[in-house]
Amino acid sequence: MSASSLRGWMLGLALAVGSGVGSYLAVSHGQEAQKQRLEQVAEELSSLRKAVMARPPAPMPVQGGVAAGLPPAIQSGEARLAPADLDAIAARMVTQLQQSGAFESSDSSQREPQAPPAPPPLKPEQQQALARANSLVDRVLATGKLTMEDSQEIRRELAQLRSRAEADEVRRRIMVAINKNQLVPPESPEGLP
């Protein structure tokens, strides 16, 4: 074996051993950190358990009060209700409330949702802006092409309507025409009004 190949072989062996040792150290360090975190969580859980157990028991309800009809073990907090028992209690409460008339209201307006108030009528300058925007859209639909300039003009007119349903209707007309391939939009998505 020549000296250069021996050096290369030794260098490769040293790199392999170094990589193996580095990997082992990294994994063992990660395992140690995970072990410490688990111990910390176990300590926190233990302290929480001690705090819960140290709480005083719930006060005994007055006989004939809210807990009427419940077994003493449940009243004292020593036992818990099963889900089926909770469902039975809920069904019984609904029945009693329905029989008592608690769900019925003398004022029927409370039960029916109120319609949102009608928006205020358009001001004269808003009506003119809406008319100009509609005529611009009509012109654009007739040509079949929406340019950036057309879009900017429509946007200027619609700015006076500020989130009104009328402005949304003008935009809807443009979108429907684009979706039906009756109108070619500008190249840029910012070009839509």
N, C-alpha and C. Protein backbone atom coordinates (compact mmCIF):
# COMPACT_ATOMS: atom_id res chain seq x y z
N MET A 1 0.82 -1.18 0.00
CA MET A 1 0.00 0.00 0.00
C MET A 1 0.87 1.24 0.00
N SER A 2 0.50 2.19 -0.77
CA SER A 2 1.30 3.42 -0.83
C SER A 2 0.93 4.31 0.35
N ALA A 3 1.75 5.26 0.63
CA ALA A 3 1.56 6.16 1.77
C ALA A 3 0.33 7.05 1.56
N SER A 4 0.09 7.48 0.32
CA SER A 4 -1.05 8.37 0.08
C SER A 4 -2.38 7.63 0.25
N SER A 5 -2.43 6.37 -0.20
CA SER A 5 -3.68 5.63 -0.02
C SER A 5 -3.89 5.29 1.45
N LEU A 6 -2.79 5.05 2.18
CA LEU A 6 -2.90 4.78 3.61
C LEU A 6 -3.40 6.01 4.36
N ARG A 7 -2.90 7.19 3.96
CA ARG A 7 -3.36 8.43 4.58
C ARG A 7 -4.84 8.66 4.28
N GLY A 8 -5.26 8.40 3.06
CA GLY A 8 -6.66 8.58 2.69
C GLY A 8 -7.57 7.63 3.46
N TRP A 9 -7.07 6.40 3.61
CA TRP A 9 -7.83 5.40 4.36
C TRP A 9 -7.95 5.80 5.82
N MET A 10 -6.88 6.27 6.40
CA MET A 10 -6.88 6.70 7.79
C MET A 10 -7.78 7.92 7.98
N LEU A 11 -7.73 8.87 7.03
CA LEU A 11 -8.58 10.05 7.10
C LEU A 11 -10.06 9.66 7.03
N GLY A 12 -10.42 8.73 6.16
CA GLY A 12 -11.79 8.26 6.05
C GLY A 12 -12.25 7.57 7.32
N LEU A 13 -11.36 6.75 7.90
CA LEU A 13 -11.68 6.06 9.14
C LEU A 13 -11.88 7.07 10.27
N ALA A 14 -11.03 8.09 10.33
CA ALA A 14 -11.14 9.11 11.37
C ALA A 14 -12.46 9.88 11.21
N LEU A 15 -12.82 10.22 9.98
CA LEU A 15 -14.09 10.92 9.74
C LEU A 15 -15.28 10.05 10.13
N ALA A 16 -15.23 8.77 9.81
CA ALA A 16 -16.34 7.88 10.15
C ALA A 16 -16.49 7.75 11.65
N VAL A 17 -15.38 7.56 12.36
CA VAL A 17 -15.43 7.45 13.82
C VAL A 17 -15.91 8.76 14.42
N GLY A 18 -15.41 9.88 13.91
CA GLY A 18 -15.83 11.18 14.41
C GLY A 18 -17.32 11.42 14.20
N SER A 19 -17.81 11.04 13.03
CA SER A 19 -19.24 11.21 12.76
C SER A 19 -20.08 10.33 13.67
N GLY A 20 -19.63 9.11 13.88
CA GLY A 20 -20.36 8.20 14.77
C GLY A 20 -20.40 8.71 16.19
N VAL A 21 -19.26 9.21 16.69
CA VAL A 21 -19.21 9.75 18.05
C VAL A 21 -20.09 10.99 18.16
N GLY A 22 -20.04 11.86 17.16
CA GLY A 22 -20.87 13.07 17.16
C GLY A 22 -22.34 12.73 17.17
N SER A 23 -22.74 11.76 16.36
CA SER A 23 -24.15 11.35 16.32
C SER A 23 -24.58 10.77 17.66
N TYR A 24 -23.71 9.92 18.25
CA TYR A 24 -24.03 9.34 19.55
C TYR A 24 -24.20 10.41 20.61
N LEU A 25 -23.31 11.40 20.63
CA LEU A 25 -23.39 12.47 21.62
C LEU A 25 -24.67 13.30 21.42
N ALA A 26 -25.03 13.60 20.17
CA ALA A 26 -26.22 14.39 19.90
C ALA A 26 -27.48 13.65 20.35
N VAL A 27 -27.56 12.36 20.06
CA VAL A 27 -28.73 11.57 20.45
C VAL A 27 -28.81 11.45 21.96
N SER A 28 -27.68 11.19 22.60
CA SER A 28 -27.71 11.04 24.06
C SER A 28 -28.06 12.36 24.73
N HIS A 29 -27.59 13.48 24.17
CA HIS A 29 -27.95 14.79 24.72
C HIS A 29 -29.45 15.04 24.58
N GLY A 30 -30.03 14.69 23.44
CA GLY A 30 -31.47 14.85 23.22
C GLY A 30 -32.27 13.97 24.17
N GLN A 31 -31.81 12.75 24.39
CA GLN A 31 -32.51 11.86 25.30
C GLN A 31 -32.46 12.39 26.73
N GLU A 32 -31.30 12.95 27.11
CA GLU A 32 -31.17 13.51 28.46
C GLU A 32 -32.11 14.71 28.64
N ALA A 33 -32.20 15.58 27.62
CA ALA A 33 -33.10 16.73 27.70
C ALA A 33 -34.56 16.27 27.79
N GLN A 34 -34.90 15.24 27.04
CA GLN A 34 -36.27 14.73 27.08
C GLN A 34 -36.57 14.12 28.45
N LYS A 35 -35.61 13.41 29.02
CA LYS A 35 -35.79 12.81 30.34
C LYS A 35 -36.01 13.90 31.39
N GLN A 36 -35.22 14.99 31.31
CA GLN A 36 -35.38 16.09 32.27
C GLN A 36 -36.76 16.73 32.13
N ARG A 37 -37.22 16.91 30.91
CA ARG A 37 -38.53 17.53 30.68
C ARG A 37 -39.64 16.62 31.24
N LEU A 38 -39.52 15.31 31.05
CA LEU A 38 -40.53 14.40 31.58
C LEU A 38 -40.54 14.44 33.10
N GLU A 39 -39.38 14.53 33.72
CA GLU A 39 -39.32 14.64 35.17
C GLU A 39 -39.98 15.93 35.65
N GLN A 40 -39.75 17.02 34.91
CA GLN A 40 -40.35 18.31 35.27
C GLN A 40 -41.88 18.23 35.15
N VAL A 41 -42.37 17.63 34.09
CA VAL A 41 -43.82 17.49 33.90
C VAL A 41 -44.41 16.62 35.01
N ALA A 42 -43.70 15.55 35.38
CA ALA A 42 -44.19 14.68 36.45
C ALA A 42 -44.26 15.44 37.77
N GLU A 43 -43.28 16.30 38.05
CA GLU A 43 -43.30 17.10 39.27
C GLU A 43 -44.47 18.09 39.25
N GLU A 44 -44.70 18.74 38.12
CA GLU A 44 -45.81 19.68 38.01
C GLU A 44 -47.15 18.96 38.21
N LEU A 45 -47.28 17.78 37.62
CA LEU A 45 -48.51 17.01 37.75
C LEU A 45 -48.72 16.59 39.20
N SER A 46 -47.65 16.20 39.86
CA SER A 46 -47.74 15.80 41.26
C SER A 46 -48.18 16.98 42.13
N SER A 47 -47.61 18.16 41.89
CA SER A 47 -48.00 19.33 42.69
C SER A 47 -49.44 19.73 42.42
N LEU A 48 -49.90 19.61 41.17
CA LEU A 48 -51.30 19.90 40.86
C LEU A 48 -52.23 18.91 41.56
N ARG A 49 -51.84 17.63 41.55
CA ARG A 49 -52.65 16.62 42.21
C ARG A 49 -52.76 16.91 43.70
N LYS A 50 -51.64 17.30 44.32
CA LYS A 50 -51.65 17.63 45.75
C LYS A 50 -52.55 18.83 46.02
N ALA A 51 -52.51 19.83 45.13
CA ALA A 51 -53.34 21.02 45.32
C ALA A 51 -54.82 20.68 45.22
N VAL A 52 -55.17 19.82 44.29
CA VAL A 52 -56.57 19.43 44.13
C VAL A 52 -57.03 18.62 45.33
N MET A 53 -56.19 17.73 45.80
CA MET A 53 -56.57 16.90 46.94
C MET A 53 -56.66 17.73 48.23
N ALA A 54 -55.91 18.83 48.30
CA ALA A 54 -55.93 19.66 49.51
C ALA A 54 -57.14 20.58 49.57
N ARG A 55 -57.85 20.72 48.48
CA ARG A 55 -59.03 21.59 48.48
C ARG A 55 -60.07 21.04 49.43
N PRO A 56 -60.78 21.92 50.12
CA PRO A 56 -61.82 21.44 51.03
C PRO A 56 -62.97 20.86 50.22
N PRO A 57 -63.69 19.89 50.80
CA PRO A 57 -64.82 19.30 50.06
C PRO A 57 -65.91 20.34 49.86
N ALA A 58 -66.72 20.09 48.87
CA ALA A 58 -67.81 21.00 48.56
C ALA A 58 -68.78 21.02 49.74
N PRO A 59 -69.37 22.20 50.03
CA PRO A 59 -70.30 22.26 51.15
C PRO A 59 -71.52 21.40 50.89
N MET A 60 -72.05 20.86 51.96
CA MET A 60 -73.23 20.02 51.84
C MET A 60 -74.43 20.89 51.50
N PRO A 61 -75.19 20.51 50.48
CA PRO A 61 -76.37 21.30 50.15
C PRO A 61 -77.46 21.11 51.20
N VAL A 62 -78.29 22.10 51.28
CA VAL A 62 -79.40 22.05 52.22
C VAL A 62 -80.40 21.00 51.75
N GLN A 63 -80.91 20.19 52.69
CA GLN A 63 -81.89 19.19 52.33
C GLN A 63 -83.10 19.88 51.70
N GLY A 64 -83.56 19.34 50.61
CA GLY A 64 -84.72 19.91 49.94
C GLY A 64 -84.34 21.06 49.03
N GLY A 65 -83.04 21.34 48.91
CA GLY A 65 -82.57 22.44 48.08
C GLY A 65 -82.34 21.96 46.66
N VAL A 66 -81.28 22.46 46.05
CA VAL A 66 -80.96 22.16 44.66
C VAL A 66 -80.69 20.68 44.46
N ALA A 67 -80.10 20.02 45.47
CA ALA A 67 -79.69 18.63 45.32
C ALA A 67 -80.79 17.65 45.72
N ALA A 68 -82.00 18.08 45.80
CA ALA A 68 -83.08 17.20 46.22
C ALA A 68 -83.19 16.03 45.26
N GLY A 69 -83.29 14.83 45.83
CA GLY A 69 -83.46 13.64 45.02
C GLY A 69 -82.16 13.00 44.60
N LEU A 70 -81.01 13.60 44.93
CA LEU A 70 -79.73 13.01 44.58
C LEU A 70 -79.25 12.12 45.71
N PRO A 71 -78.59 11.04 45.38
CA PRO A 71 -78.06 10.16 46.43
C PRO A 71 -77.03 10.91 47.27
N PRO A 72 -76.89 10.54 48.57
CA PRO A 72 -75.95 11.24 49.45
C PRO A 72 -74.51 11.22 48.95
N ALA A 73 -74.08 10.13 48.30
CA ALA A 73 -72.70 10.06 47.81
C ALA A 73 -72.45 11.11 46.74
N ILE A 74 -73.43 11.37 45.92
CA ILE A 74 -73.29 12.39 44.88
C ILE A 74 -73.37 13.78 45.51
N GLN A 75 -74.27 13.94 46.48
CA GLN A 75 -74.39 15.23 47.16
C GLN A 75 -73.10 15.62 47.84
N SER A 76 -72.41 14.66 48.43
CA SER A 76 -71.17 14.97 49.15
C SER A 76 -69.99 15.14 48.21
N GLY A 77 -70.12 14.77 46.97
CA GLY A 77 -69.03 14.91 46.02
C GLY A 77 -68.15 13.68 45.95
N GLU A 78 -68.51 12.61 46.68
CA GLU A 78 -67.71 11.40 46.66
C GLU A 78 -67.90 10.61 45.38
N ALA A 79 -69.04 10.74 44.76
CA ALA A 79 -69.32 10.00 43.52
C ALA A 79 -69.70 10.99 42.43
N ARG A 80 -69.61 10.55 41.21
CA ARG A 80 -69.95 11.39 40.06
C ARG A 80 -71.09 10.73 39.29
N LEU A 81 -71.86 11.58 38.62
CA LEU A 81 -72.96 11.07 37.80
C LEU A 81 -72.41 10.47 36.51
N ALA A 82 -73.06 9.43 36.07
CA ALA A 82 -72.72 8.82 34.78
C ALA A 82 -73.33 9.67 33.67
N PRO A 83 -72.77 9.61 32.46
CA PRO A 83 -73.35 10.39 31.35
C PRO A 83 -74.83 10.10 31.12
N ALA A 84 -75.24 8.85 31.30
CA ALA A 84 -76.66 8.52 31.11
C ALA A 84 -77.52 9.23 32.15
N ASP A 85 -77.00 9.33 33.40
CA ASP A 85 -77.73 10.04 34.45
C ASP A 85 -77.85 11.52 34.13
N LEU A 86 -76.77 12.09 33.63
CA LEU A 86 -76.79 13.51 33.26
C LEU A 86 -77.81 13.78 32.16
N ASP A 87 -77.86 12.87 31.16
CA ASP A 87 -78.84 13.02 30.09
C ASP A 87 -80.26 12.92 30.62
N ALA A 88 -80.49 12.01 31.57
CA ALA A 88 -81.83 11.86 32.15
C ALA A 88 -82.22 13.11 32.92
N ILE A 89 -81.28 13.69 33.67
CA ILE A 89 -81.56 14.91 34.42
C ILE A 89 -81.88 16.05 33.47
N ALA A 90 -81.09 16.16 32.38
CA ALA A 90 -81.33 17.23 31.41
C ALA A 90 -82.70 17.07 30.76
N ALA A 91 -83.06 15.85 30.40
CA ALA A 91 -84.37 15.62 29.78
C ALA A 91 -85.49 15.97 30.75
N ARG A 92 -85.31 15.63 32.01
CA ARG A 92 -86.34 15.94 33.02
C ARG A 92 -86.48 17.45 33.20
N MET A 93 -85.35 18.16 33.21
CA MET A 93 -85.39 19.62 33.35
C MET A 93 -86.10 20.27 32.16
N VAL A 94 -85.83 19.78 30.97
CA VAL A 94 -86.49 20.33 29.78
C VAL A 94 -87.99 20.11 29.87
N THR A 95 -88.38 18.91 30.28
CA THR A 95 -89.81 18.61 30.41
C THR A 95 -90.47 19.53 31.42
N GLN A 96 -89.83 19.71 32.57
CA GLN A 96 -90.40 20.58 33.59
C GLN A 96 -90.47 22.03 33.13
N LEU A 97 -89.46 22.49 32.43
CA LEU A 97 -89.48 23.86 31.93
C LEU A 97 -90.56 24.05 30.88
N GLN A 98 -90.75 23.05 30.03
CA GLN A 98 -91.80 23.16 29.02
C GLN A 98 -93.18 23.18 29.68
N GLN A 99 -93.36 22.35 30.70
CA GLN A 99 -94.65 22.30 31.39
C GLN A 99 -94.92 23.59 32.15
N SER A 100 -93.87 24.22 32.64
CA SER A 100 -94.07 25.46 33.41
C SER A 100 -94.31 26.65 32.50
N GLY A 101 -94.06 26.50 31.20
CA GLY A 101 -94.27 27.60 30.27
C GLY A 101 -93.08 28.54 30.18
N ALA A 102 -91.93 28.12 30.66
CA ALA A 102 -90.75 28.98 30.64
C ALA A 102 -90.27 29.27 29.23
N PHE A 103 -90.56 28.35 28.30
CA PHE A 103 -90.10 28.54 26.93
C PHE A 103 -91.05 29.42 26.13
N GLU A 104 -92.25 29.61 26.62
CA GLU A 104 -93.22 30.43 25.91
C GLU A 104 -93.07 31.87 26.33
N SER A 105 -93.17 32.74 25.39
CA SER A 105 -93.02 34.16 25.68
C SER A 105 -94.27 34.88 25.23
N SER A 106 -94.71 35.82 26.04
CA SER A 106 -95.90 36.58 25.65
C SER A 106 -95.57 37.55 24.53
N ASP A 107 -94.32 37.94 24.42
CA ASP A 107 -93.90 38.87 23.38
C ASP A 107 -93.27 38.07 22.24
N SER A 108 -94.00 37.89 21.14
CA SER A 108 -93.51 37.08 20.03
C SER A 108 -92.36 37.74 19.28
N SER A 109 -92.16 39.04 19.46
CA SER A 109 -91.09 39.73 18.73
C SER A 109 -89.72 39.31 19.26
N GLN A 110 -89.66 38.77 20.48
CA GLN A 110 -88.38 38.33 21.01
C GLN A 110 -87.92 37.06 20.32
N ARG A 111 -88.83 36.25 19.84
CA ARG A 111 -88.48 34.97 19.24
C ARG A 111 -88.14 35.10 17.76
N GLU A 112 -88.72 36.06 17.07
CA GLU A 112 -88.49 36.21 15.65
C GLU A 112 -87.29 37.13 15.43
N PRO A 113 -86.38 36.72 14.56
CA PRO A 113 -85.23 37.58 14.31
C PRO A 113 -85.66 38.88 13.61
N GLN A 114 -85.05 39.94 14.02
CA GLN A 114 -85.36 41.24 13.43
C GLN A 114 -84.60 41.40 12.12
N ALA A 115 -85.26 41.91 11.12
CA ALA A 115 -84.61 42.18 9.85
C ALA A 115 -83.64 43.35 10.04
N PRO A 116 -82.49 43.30 9.38
CA PRO A 116 -81.57 44.41 9.53
C PRO A 116 -82.20 45.70 8.99
N PRO A 117 -81.87 46.82 9.57
CA PRO A 117 -82.46 48.06 9.08
C PRO A 117 -82.02 48.35 7.64
N ALA A 118 -82.92 48.93 6.90
CA ALA A 118 -82.61 49.26 5.51
C ALA A 118 -81.53 50.34 5.47
N PRO A 119 -80.60 50.22 4.53
CA PRO A 119 -79.57 51.26 4.45
C PRO A 119 -80.20 52.59 4.06
N PRO A 120 -79.57 53.67 4.45
CA PRO A 120 -80.13 54.97 4.08
C PRO A 120 -80.13 55.14 2.56
N PRO A 121 -81.04 55.93 2.04
CA PRO A 121 -81.08 56.11 0.58
C PRO A 121 -79.80 56.79 0.09
N LEU A 122 -79.53 56.56 -1.18
CA LEU A 122 -78.34 57.17 -1.77
C LEU A 122 -78.49 58.68 -1.86
N LYS A 123 -77.41 59.37 -1.60
CA LYS A 123 -77.40 60.82 -1.78
C LYS A 123 -77.35 61.11 -3.28
N PRO A 124 -77.71 62.32 -3.68
CA PRO A 124 -77.71 62.63 -5.13
C PRO A 124 -76.35 62.40 -5.79
N GLU A 125 -75.25 62.76 -5.11
CA GLU A 125 -73.92 62.55 -5.72
C GLU A 125 -73.59 61.06 -5.80
N GLN A 126 -74.11 60.26 -4.86
CA GLN A 126 -73.89 58.81 -4.94
C GLN A 126 -74.71 58.21 -6.07
N GLN A 127 -75.93 58.73 -6.28
CA GLN A 127 -76.74 58.25 -7.39
C GLN A 127 -76.07 58.55 -8.72
N GLN A 128 -75.49 59.74 -8.83
CA GLN A 128 -74.80 60.10 -10.07
C GLN A 128 -73.57 59.22 -10.28
N ALA A 129 -72.81 58.93 -9.19
CA ALA A 129 -71.63 58.08 -9.30
C ALA A 129 -72.04 56.66 -9.71
N LEU A 130 -73.15 56.17 -9.15
CA LEU A 130 -73.64 54.84 -9.52
C LEU A 130 -74.05 54.81 -10.98
N ALA A 131 -74.72 55.85 -11.45
CA ALA A 131 -75.13 55.90 -12.86
C ALA A 131 -73.91 55.93 -13.77
N ARG A 132 -72.89 56.72 -13.39
CA ARG A 132 -71.66 56.77 -14.22
C ARG A 132 -70.96 55.41 -14.22
N ALA A 133 -70.90 54.74 -13.06
CA ALA A 133 -70.25 53.42 -12.98
C ALA A 133 -71.01 52.41 -13.84
N ASN A 134 -72.33 52.43 -13.78
CA ASN A 134 -73.12 51.50 -14.60
C ASN A 134 -72.94 51.77 -16.08
N SER A 135 -72.87 53.04 -16.47
CA SER A 135 -72.66 53.34 -17.90
C SER A 135 -71.26 52.91 -18.34
N LEU A 136 -70.26 53.05 -17.45
CA LEU A 136 -68.91 52.58 -17.79
C LEU A 136 -68.91 51.06 -17.96
N VAL A 137 -69.61 50.35 -17.08
CA VAL A 137 -69.68 48.89 -17.20
C VAL A 137 -70.41 48.50 -18.47
N ASP A 138 -71.48 49.21 -18.81
CA ASP A 138 -72.20 48.91 -20.05
C ASP A 138 -71.28 49.09 -21.26
N ARG A 139 -70.49 50.17 -21.24
CA ARG A 139 -69.56 50.43 -22.35
C ARG A 139 -68.51 49.33 -22.43
N VAL A 140 -67.96 48.91 -21.27
CA VAL A 140 -66.93 47.87 -21.24
C VAL A 140 -67.51 46.55 -21.72
N LEU A 141 -68.73 46.23 -21.30
CA LEU A 141 -69.35 44.98 -21.73
C LEU A 141 -69.61 45.00 -23.24
N ALA A 142 -69.91 46.17 -23.79
CA ALA A 142 -70.15 46.27 -25.23
C ALA A 142 -68.86 46.03 -26.01
N THR A 143 -67.73 46.51 -25.47
CA THR A 143 -66.45 46.30 -26.17
C THR A 143 -65.88 44.91 -25.90
N GLY A 144 -66.23 44.32 -24.76
CA GLY A 144 -65.73 42.99 -24.44
C GLY A 144 -64.34 42.97 -23.84
N LYS A 145 -63.78 44.15 -23.51
CA LYS A 145 -62.43 44.21 -22.94
C LYS A 145 -62.40 45.26 -21.84
N LEU A 146 -61.87 44.86 -20.68
CA LEU A 146 -61.72 45.76 -19.54
C LEU A 146 -60.26 46.18 -19.47
N THR A 147 -60.00 47.47 -19.65
CA THR A 147 -58.63 47.97 -19.57
C THR A 147 -58.35 48.47 -18.16
N MET A 148 -57.09 48.71 -17.87
CA MET A 148 -56.71 49.26 -16.56
C MET A 148 -57.35 50.63 -16.36
N GLU A 149 -57.43 51.43 -17.42
CA GLU A 149 -58.02 52.76 -17.31
C GLU A 149 -59.50 52.67 -16.99
N ASP A 150 -60.21 51.74 -17.68
CA ASP A 150 -61.63 51.53 -17.39
C ASP A 150 -61.83 51.11 -15.94
N SER A 151 -60.98 50.21 -15.49
CA SER A 151 -61.08 49.71 -14.12
C SER A 151 -60.85 50.83 -13.11
N GLN A 152 -59.88 51.69 -13.38
CA GLN A 152 -59.60 52.80 -12.48
C GLN A 152 -60.77 53.79 -12.43
N GLU A 153 -61.38 54.05 -13.60
CA GLU A 153 -62.54 54.94 -13.63
C GLU A 153 -63.71 54.36 -12.83
N ILE A 154 -63.97 53.06 -13.02
CA ILE A 154 -65.06 52.42 -12.28
C ILE A 154 -64.76 52.44 -10.79
N ARG A 155 -63.52 52.17 -10.44
CA ARG A 155 -63.12 52.17 -9.02
C ARG A 155 -63.32 53.55 -8.40
N ARG A 156 -62.99 54.63 -9.15
CA ARG A 156 -63.18 56.00 -8.65
C ARG A 156 -64.66 56.27 -8.38
N GLU A 157 -65.52 55.84 -9.28
CA GLU A 157 -66.95 56.07 -9.10
C GLU A 157 -67.51 55.26 -7.92
N LEU A 158 -67.05 54.00 -7.80
CA LEU A 158 -67.55 53.14 -6.73
C LEU A 158 -67.03 53.55 -5.36
N ALA A 159 -65.93 54.28 -5.33
CA ALA A 159 -65.38 54.73 -4.05
C ALA A 159 -66.36 55.63 -3.31
N GLN A 160 -67.23 56.31 -4.05
CA GLN A 160 -68.21 57.19 -3.42
C GLN A 160 -69.35 56.41 -2.77
N LEU A 161 -69.48 55.12 -3.13
CA LEU A 161 -70.59 54.32 -2.60
C LEU A 161 -70.21 53.56 -1.33
N ARG A 162 -68.95 53.45 -1.02
CA ARG A 162 -68.43 52.87 0.23
C ARG A 162 -69.22 51.67 0.74
N SER A 163 -68.90 50.50 0.26
CA SER A 163 -69.45 49.23 0.75
C SER A 163 -70.97 49.14 0.67
N ARG A 164 -71.56 49.76 -0.29
CA ARG A 164 -73.00 49.66 -0.47
C ARG A 164 -73.31 48.46 -1.37
N ALA A 165 -74.51 47.96 -1.25
CA ALA A 165 -74.94 46.81 -2.07
C ALA A 165 -74.94 47.18 -3.55
N GLU A 166 -75.19 48.43 -3.84
CA GLU A 166 -75.21 48.88 -5.24
C GLU A 166 -73.82 48.73 -5.87
N ALA A 167 -72.78 49.06 -5.11
CA ALA A 167 -71.41 48.92 -5.62
C ALA A 167 -71.08 47.45 -5.83
N ASP A 168 -71.53 46.60 -4.91
CA ASP A 168 -71.30 45.16 -5.06
C ASP A 168 -72.00 44.62 -6.30
N GLU A 169 -73.16 45.16 -6.62
CA GLU A 169 -73.89 44.72 -7.81
C GLU A 169 -73.13 45.08 -9.09
N VAL A 170 -72.52 46.28 -9.12
CA VAL A 170 -71.73 46.68 -10.29
C VAL A 170 -70.55 45.72 -10.45
N ARG A 171 -69.87 45.42 -9.35
CA ARG A 171 -68.72 44.49 -9.41
C ARG A 171 -69.19 43.09 -9.82
N ARG A 172 -70.36 42.68 -9.34
CA ARG A 172 -70.89 41.37 -9.70
C ARG A 172 -71.14 41.26 -11.19
N ARG A 173 -71.66 42.33 -11.78
CA ARG A 173 -71.90 42.32 -13.23
C ARG A 173 -70.60 42.08 -13.99
N ILE A 174 -69.52 42.71 -13.55
CA ILE A 174 -68.22 42.55 -14.21
C ILE A 174 -67.74 41.11 -14.05
N MET A 175 -67.83 40.56 -12.82
CA MET A 175 -67.33 39.21 -12.57
C MET A 175 -68.12 38.17 -13.35
N VAL A 176 -69.43 38.34 -13.43
CA VAL A 176 -70.26 37.40 -14.19
C VAL A 176 -69.86 37.43 -15.66
N ALA A 177 -69.63 38.61 -16.20
CA ALA A 177 -69.24 38.72 -17.61
C ALA A 177 -67.87 38.08 -17.84
N ILE A 178 -66.95 38.25 -16.90
CA ILE A 178 -65.62 37.61 -17.03
C ILE A 178 -65.77 36.10 -16.96
N ASN A 179 -66.57 35.60 -16.03
CA ASN A 179 -66.75 34.15 -15.88
C ASN A 179 -67.43 33.52 -17.09
N LYS A 180 -68.28 34.29 -17.77
CA LYS A 180 -68.96 33.78 -18.97
C LYS A 180 -68.14 34.03 -20.23
N ASN A 181 -66.92 34.50 -20.06
CA ASN A 181 -66.02 34.82 -21.18
C ASN A 181 -66.61 35.87 -22.12
N GLN A 182 -67.42 36.76 -21.58
CA GLN A 182 -67.97 37.85 -22.35
C GLN A 182 -67.12 39.10 -22.20
N LEU A 183 -66.17 39.05 -21.25
CA LEU A 183 -65.33 40.21 -20.95
C LEU A 183 -63.92 39.73 -20.67
N VAL A 184 -62.94 40.36 -21.33
CA VAL A 184 -61.53 40.02 -21.10
C VAL A 184 -61.00 40.96 -20.04
N PRO A 185 -60.55 40.41 -18.90
CA PRO A 185 -60.06 41.28 -17.83
C PRO A 185 -58.65 41.77 -18.13
N PRO A 186 -58.19 42.77 -17.40
CA PRO A 186 -56.80 43.20 -17.57
C PRO A 186 -55.85 42.10 -17.13
N GLU A 187 -54.61 42.19 -17.55
CA GLU A 187 -53.60 41.18 -17.22
C GLU A 187 -53.38 41.06 -15.72
N SER A 188 -53.34 42.19 -15.04
CA SER A 188 -53.03 42.22 -13.62
C SER A 188 -54.31 42.06 -12.80
N PRO A 189 -54.27 41.27 -11.71
CA PRO A 189 -55.46 41.15 -10.87
C PRO A 189 -55.80 42.46 -10.16
N GLU A 190 -54.82 43.35 -10.02
CA GLU A 190 -55.11 44.66 -9.44
C GLU A 190 -55.95 45.51 -10.37
N GLY A 191 -56.13 45.05 -11.58
CA GLY A 191 -56.88 45.80 -12.56
C GLY A 191 -58.38 45.64 -12.43
N LEU A 192 -58.84 44.83 -11.51
CA LEU A 192 -60.29 44.68 -11.32
C LEU A 192 -60.79 45.73 -10.35
N PRO A 193 -61.98 46.28 -10.62
CA PRO A 193 -62.50 47.34 -9.73
C PRO A 193 -62.95 46.81 -8.39
